[in-house]
Amino acid sequence: MLFGLFMIVFALAWLLIPLSAIGIGNFVILIISIIDITKREWPDKTTWLLIVLLAPFGSLIYFFNERKKLDAKGYVIAVRNMPSQNQPSSTHGADSRHKSK
């Protein structure tokens, strides 16, 4: 009796380890998909956000299919408030507030 119970627990443990790894991988792809959808400037943003959040495999469909299509169409991730490397920074050099007379 005890040996049979041990074998069942051992078999379930070997089954749960791969399933938990798949679940963690799916969660990571879900987070990456949500971040990618919110940062892109494109017309179907709300629709795909709902699909990813509500459909069981919506994040996988977006991540492996739609994301490649968006890159091919030119809908790149919008980068906001990034200073240009060519612009001089106010922290380098003499401080402009303390000019000598």
N, C-alpha and C. Protein backbone atom coordinates (compact mmCIF):
# COMPACT_ATOMS: atom_id res chain seq x y z
N MET A 1 0.83 -1.20 0.00
CA MET A 1 0.00 0.00 0.00
C MET A 1 0.87 1.25 0.00
N LEU A 2 1.84 1.30 0.89
CA LEU A 2 2.70 2.46 1.00
C LEU A 2 3.57 2.62 -0.25
N PHE A 3 4.03 1.49 -0.78
CA PHE A 3 4.85 1.53 -1.99
C PHE A 3 4.05 2.04 -3.18
N GLY A 4 2.80 1.63 -3.28
CA GLY A 4 1.93 2.09 -4.37
C GLY A 4 1.68 3.59 -4.28
N LEU A 5 1.48 4.08 -3.06
CA LEU A 5 1.28 5.51 -2.86
C LEU A 5 2.54 6.29 -3.22
N PHE A 6 3.69 5.74 -2.85
CA PHE A 6 4.97 6.37 -3.19
C PHE A 6 5.15 6.43 -4.71
N MET A 7 4.81 5.38 -5.41
CA MET A 7 4.95 5.35 -6.87
C MET A 7 4.02 6.36 -7.54
N ILE A 8 2.83 6.53 -7.01
CA ILE A 8 1.90 7.51 -7.57
C ILE A 8 2.44 8.92 -7.36
N VAL A 9 2.93 9.22 -6.17
CA VAL A 9 3.49 10.55 -5.89
C VAL A 9 4.72 10.80 -6.75
N PHE A 10 5.57 9.79 -6.90
CA PHE A 10 6.77 9.92 -7.71
C PHE A 10 6.42 10.16 -9.18
N ALA A 11 5.42 9.45 -9.69
CA ALA A 11 4.99 9.63 -11.08
C ALA A 11 4.39 11.02 -11.28
N LEU A 12 3.60 11.48 -10.33
CA LEU A 12 3.01 12.81 -10.45
C LEU A 12 4.08 13.90 -10.38
N ALA A 13 5.11 13.69 -9.57
CA ALA A 13 6.18 14.68 -9.49
C ALA A 13 6.91 14.78 -10.82
N TRP A 14 7.16 13.67 -11.47
CA TRP A 14 7.84 13.70 -12.77
C TRP A 14 6.94 14.28 -13.85
N LEU A 15 5.66 14.22 -13.66
CA LEU A 15 4.73 14.82 -14.60
C LEU A 15 4.60 16.33 -14.36
N LEU A 16 4.64 16.74 -13.10
CA LEU A 16 4.45 18.15 -12.78
C LEU A 16 5.67 19.01 -13.09
N ILE A 17 6.85 18.45 -13.05
CA ILE A 17 8.06 19.24 -13.34
C ILE A 17 8.04 19.78 -14.77
N PRO A 18 7.81 18.96 -15.80
CA PRO A 18 7.75 19.54 -17.15
C PRO A 18 6.56 20.48 -17.34
N LEU A 19 5.43 20.16 -16.72
CA LEU A 19 4.27 21.03 -16.86
C LEU A 19 4.50 22.39 -16.21
N SER A 20 5.18 22.43 -15.09
CA SER A 20 5.46 23.71 -14.46
C SER A 20 6.46 24.52 -15.28
N ALA A 21 7.41 23.86 -15.92
CA ALA A 21 8.35 24.57 -16.79
C ALA A 21 7.63 25.17 -18.00
N ILE A 22 6.68 24.42 -18.55
CA ILE A 22 5.89 24.94 -19.66
C ILE A 22 5.04 26.12 -19.20
N GLY A 23 4.48 26.03 -18.01
CA GLY A 23 3.67 27.12 -17.47
C GLY A 23 4.49 28.38 -17.23
N ILE A 24 5.70 28.22 -16.71
CA ILE A 24 6.57 29.38 -16.49
C ILE A 24 6.96 30.00 -17.82
N GLY A 25 7.28 29.16 -18.82
CA GLY A 25 7.62 29.67 -20.15
C GLY A 25 6.45 30.42 -20.79
N ASN A 26 5.25 29.89 -20.63
CA ASN A 26 4.06 30.56 -21.17
C ASN A 26 3.83 31.89 -20.47
N PHE A 27 4.07 31.94 -19.17
CA PHE A 27 3.90 33.20 -18.43
C PHE A 27 4.91 34.25 -18.89
N VAL A 28 6.14 33.83 -19.15
CA VAL A 28 7.16 34.76 -19.63
C VAL A 28 6.78 35.31 -21.01
N ILE A 29 6.30 34.43 -21.89
CA ILE A 29 5.87 34.88 -23.22
C ILE A 29 4.66 35.80 -23.11
N LEU A 30 3.77 35.55 -22.16
CA LEU A 30 2.62 36.43 -21.93
C LEU A 30 3.09 37.83 -21.54
N ILE A 31 4.02 37.94 -20.61
CA ILE A 31 4.52 39.25 -20.18
C ILE A 31 5.23 39.96 -21.32
N ILE A 32 6.07 39.24 -22.08
CA ILE A 32 6.77 39.85 -23.21
C ILE A 32 5.77 40.34 -24.26
N SER A 33 4.72 39.55 -24.51
CA SER A 33 3.71 39.94 -25.50
C SER A 33 2.96 41.19 -25.05
N ILE A 34 2.59 41.27 -23.80
CA ILE A 34 1.87 42.45 -23.30
C ILE A 34 2.75 43.70 -23.40
N ILE A 35 4.01 43.59 -23.04
CA ILE A 35 4.92 44.72 -23.14
C ILE A 35 5.10 45.13 -24.60
N ASP A 36 5.25 44.16 -25.49
CA ASP A 36 5.44 44.44 -26.90
C ASP A 36 4.20 45.11 -27.50
N ILE A 37 3.02 44.64 -27.14
CA ILE A 37 1.79 45.23 -27.67
C ILE A 37 1.63 46.67 -27.21
N THR A 38 1.90 46.93 -25.95
CA THR A 38 1.69 48.29 -25.43
C THR A 38 2.72 49.29 -25.94
N LYS A 39 3.90 48.84 -26.35
CA LYS A 39 4.92 49.76 -26.82
C LYS A 39 4.84 50.05 -28.31
N ARG A 40 4.13 49.24 -29.07
CA ARG A 40 4.02 49.47 -30.51
C ARG A 40 2.93 50.48 -30.81
N GLU A 41 3.13 51.23 -31.90
CA GLU A 41 2.11 52.16 -32.39
C GLU A 41 1.47 51.53 -33.62
N TRP A 42 0.30 50.92 -33.45
CA TRP A 42 -0.40 50.26 -34.55
C TRP A 42 -1.88 50.22 -34.24
N PRO A 43 -2.73 50.07 -35.26
CA PRO A 43 -4.17 50.23 -35.06
C PRO A 43 -4.85 49.10 -34.29
N ASP A 44 -4.35 47.88 -34.30
CA ASP A 44 -5.02 46.75 -33.64
C ASP A 44 -4.52 46.49 -32.23
N LYS A 45 -4.03 47.49 -31.57
CA LYS A 45 -3.43 47.32 -30.25
C LYS A 45 -4.44 46.77 -29.23
N THR A 46 -5.62 47.35 -29.16
CA THR A 46 -6.62 46.95 -28.18
C THR A 46 -7.12 45.53 -28.46
N THR A 47 -7.34 45.21 -29.72
CA THR A 47 -7.83 43.89 -30.08
C THR A 47 -6.84 42.81 -29.67
N TRP A 48 -5.56 43.00 -29.99
CA TRP A 48 -4.58 41.98 -29.66
C TRP A 48 -4.32 41.91 -28.16
N LEU A 49 -4.45 43.03 -27.47
CA LEU A 49 -4.29 42.99 -26.02
C LEU A 49 -5.39 42.15 -25.38
N LEU A 50 -6.62 42.30 -25.87
CA LEU A 50 -7.72 41.48 -25.36
C LEU A 50 -7.53 40.01 -25.71
N ILE A 51 -7.07 39.73 -26.94
CA ILE A 51 -6.84 38.33 -27.33
C ILE A 51 -5.77 37.70 -26.45
N VAL A 52 -4.68 38.42 -26.21
CA VAL A 52 -3.59 37.88 -25.41
C VAL A 52 -4.03 37.65 -23.97
N LEU A 53 -4.82 38.56 -23.43
CA LEU A 53 -5.23 38.43 -22.04
C LEU A 53 -6.34 37.40 -21.83
N LEU A 54 -7.24 37.23 -22.81
CA LEU A 54 -8.42 36.39 -22.60
C LEU A 54 -8.33 35.01 -23.24
N ALA A 55 -7.63 34.87 -24.34
CA ALA A 55 -7.54 33.57 -25.01
C ALA A 55 -6.45 32.72 -24.35
N PRO A 56 -6.67 31.43 -24.22
CA PRO A 56 -5.68 30.58 -23.55
C PRO A 56 -4.30 30.58 -24.20
N PHE A 57 -4.25 30.54 -25.52
CA PHE A 57 -2.96 30.54 -26.21
C PHE A 57 -2.77 31.80 -27.04
N GLY A 58 -3.44 32.88 -26.68
CA GLY A 58 -3.34 34.14 -27.43
C GLY A 58 -1.94 34.72 -27.42
N SER A 59 -1.24 34.59 -26.30
CA SER A 59 0.12 35.14 -26.24
C SER A 59 1.06 34.37 -27.15
N LEU A 60 0.88 33.07 -27.25
CA LEU A 60 1.72 32.28 -28.15
C LEU A 60 1.45 32.62 -29.61
N ILE A 61 0.18 32.80 -29.95
CA ILE A 61 -0.18 33.18 -31.33
C ILE A 61 0.42 34.53 -31.66
N TYR A 62 0.29 35.50 -30.76
CA TYR A 62 0.85 36.83 -31.02
C TYR A 62 2.37 36.77 -31.11
N PHE A 63 3.00 36.10 -30.16
CA PHE A 63 4.45 36.12 -30.08
C PHE A 63 5.10 35.46 -31.29
N PHE A 64 4.57 34.35 -31.75
CA PHE A 64 5.22 33.61 -32.83
C PHE A 64 4.68 33.95 -34.22
N ASN A 65 3.52 34.60 -34.33
CA ASN A 65 2.95 34.86 -35.64
C ASN A 65 2.81 36.35 -35.93
N GLU A 66 2.05 37.04 -35.13
CA GLU A 66 1.71 38.44 -35.41
C GLU A 66 2.91 39.37 -35.24
N ARG A 67 3.76 39.07 -34.31
CA ARG A 67 4.92 39.93 -34.04
C ARG A 67 5.84 40.01 -35.27
N LYS A 68 6.04 38.89 -35.95
CA LYS A 68 6.86 38.88 -37.16
C LYS A 68 6.21 39.69 -38.27
N LYS A 69 4.89 39.60 -38.38
CA LYS A 69 4.17 40.38 -39.40
C LYS A 69 4.31 41.88 -39.13
N LEU A 70 4.23 42.27 -37.86
CA LEU A 70 4.35 43.70 -37.52
C LEU A 70 5.75 44.22 -37.82
N ASP A 71 6.76 43.42 -37.53
CA ASP A 71 8.12 43.83 -37.86
C ASP A 71 8.30 43.98 -39.37
N ALA A 72 7.68 43.10 -40.15
CA ALA A 72 7.79 43.18 -41.61
C ALA A 72 7.05 44.39 -42.16
N LYS A 73 5.94 44.78 -41.52
CA LYS A 73 5.17 45.95 -41.98
C LYS A 73 5.79 47.26 -41.51
N GLY A 74 6.71 47.22 -40.60
CA GLY A 74 7.36 48.44 -40.15
C GLY A 74 6.78 49.04 -38.89
N TYR A 75 5.92 48.33 -38.19
CA TYR A 75 5.39 48.83 -36.92
C TYR A 75 6.41 48.51 -35.83
N VAL A 76 7.36 49.38 -35.67
CA VAL A 76 8.42 49.14 -34.70
C VAL A 76 8.00 49.63 -33.33
N ILE A 77 8.74 49.24 -32.34
CA ILE A 77 8.45 49.65 -30.97
C ILE A 77 8.80 51.13 -30.83
N ALA A 78 7.87 51.89 -30.30
CA ALA A 78 8.07 53.33 -30.14
C ALA A 78 8.97 53.59 -28.95
N VAL A 79 10.01 54.37 -29.17
CA VAL A 79 10.93 54.75 -28.10
C VAL A 79 10.63 56.20 -27.77
N ARG A 80 10.30 56.45 -26.52
CA ARG A 80 9.92 57.81 -26.11
C ARG A 80 10.91 58.36 -25.10
N ASN A 81 11.12 59.66 -25.17
CA ASN A 81 11.94 60.40 -24.21
C ASN A 81 13.36 59.88 -24.11
N MET A 82 13.93 59.49 -25.21
CA MET A 82 15.32 59.05 -25.21
C MET A 82 16.18 60.19 -25.75
N PRO A 83 17.15 60.66 -24.99
CA PRO A 83 17.99 61.76 -25.48
C PRO A 83 18.89 61.27 -26.61
N SER A 84 19.10 62.16 -27.55
CA SER A 84 19.96 61.84 -28.68
C SER A 84 21.41 61.82 -28.22
N GLN A 85 22.22 60.97 -28.83
CA GLN A 85 23.62 60.88 -28.45
C GLN A 85 24.41 62.06 -28.98
N ASN A 86 23.88 62.76 -29.98
CA ASN A 86 24.59 63.90 -30.57
C ASN A 86 24.38 65.19 -29.80
N GLN A 87 23.36 65.25 -28.96
CA GLN A 87 23.08 66.46 -28.21
C GLN A 87 24.00 66.53 -27.00
N PRO A 88 24.57 67.73 -26.77
CA PRO A 88 25.43 67.85 -25.58
C PRO A 88 24.60 67.79 -24.30
N SER A 89 25.16 67.17 -23.32
CA SER A 89 24.49 67.03 -22.04
C SER A 89 24.85 68.21 -21.14
N SER A 90 23.92 68.63 -20.31
CA SER A 90 24.17 69.77 -19.44
C SER A 90 25.03 69.39 -18.24
N THR A 91 25.26 68.12 -18.02
CA THR A 91 26.04 67.71 -16.85
C THR A 91 27.54 67.71 -17.14
N HIS A 92 27.93 67.77 -18.40
CA HIS A 92 29.34 67.77 -18.74
C HIS A 92 29.85 69.20 -18.89
N GLY A 93 31.08 69.41 -18.54
CA GLY A 93 31.68 70.74 -18.72
C GLY A 93 31.33 71.69 -17.61
N ALA A 94 31.51 72.97 -17.86
CA ALA A 94 31.24 74.00 -16.85
C ALA A 94 29.75 74.14 -16.61
N ASP A 95 29.41 74.44 -15.41
CA ASP A 95 28.02 74.64 -15.04
C ASP A 95 27.58 76.00 -15.58
N SER A 96 26.46 76.01 -16.31
CA SER A 96 26.00 77.25 -16.95
C SER A 96 25.42 78.24 -15.95
N ARG A 97 25.08 77.82 -14.76
CA ARG A 97 24.50 78.73 -13.77
C ARG A 97 25.57 79.60 -13.10
N HIS A 98 26.82 79.15 -13.06
CA HIS A 98 27.87 79.86 -12.38
C HIS A 98 28.88 80.42 -13.40
N LYS A 99 28.41 81.38 -14.17
CA LYS A 99 29.30 81.99 -15.16
C LYS A 99 30.15 83.04 -14.48
N SER A 100 31.40 83.08 -14.86
CA SER A 100 32.29 84.12 -14.29
C SER A 100 32.07 85.42 -15.04
N LYS A 101 32.19 86.55 -14.33
CA LYS A 101 31.94 87.86 -14.93
C LYS A 101 33.22 88.52 -15.32
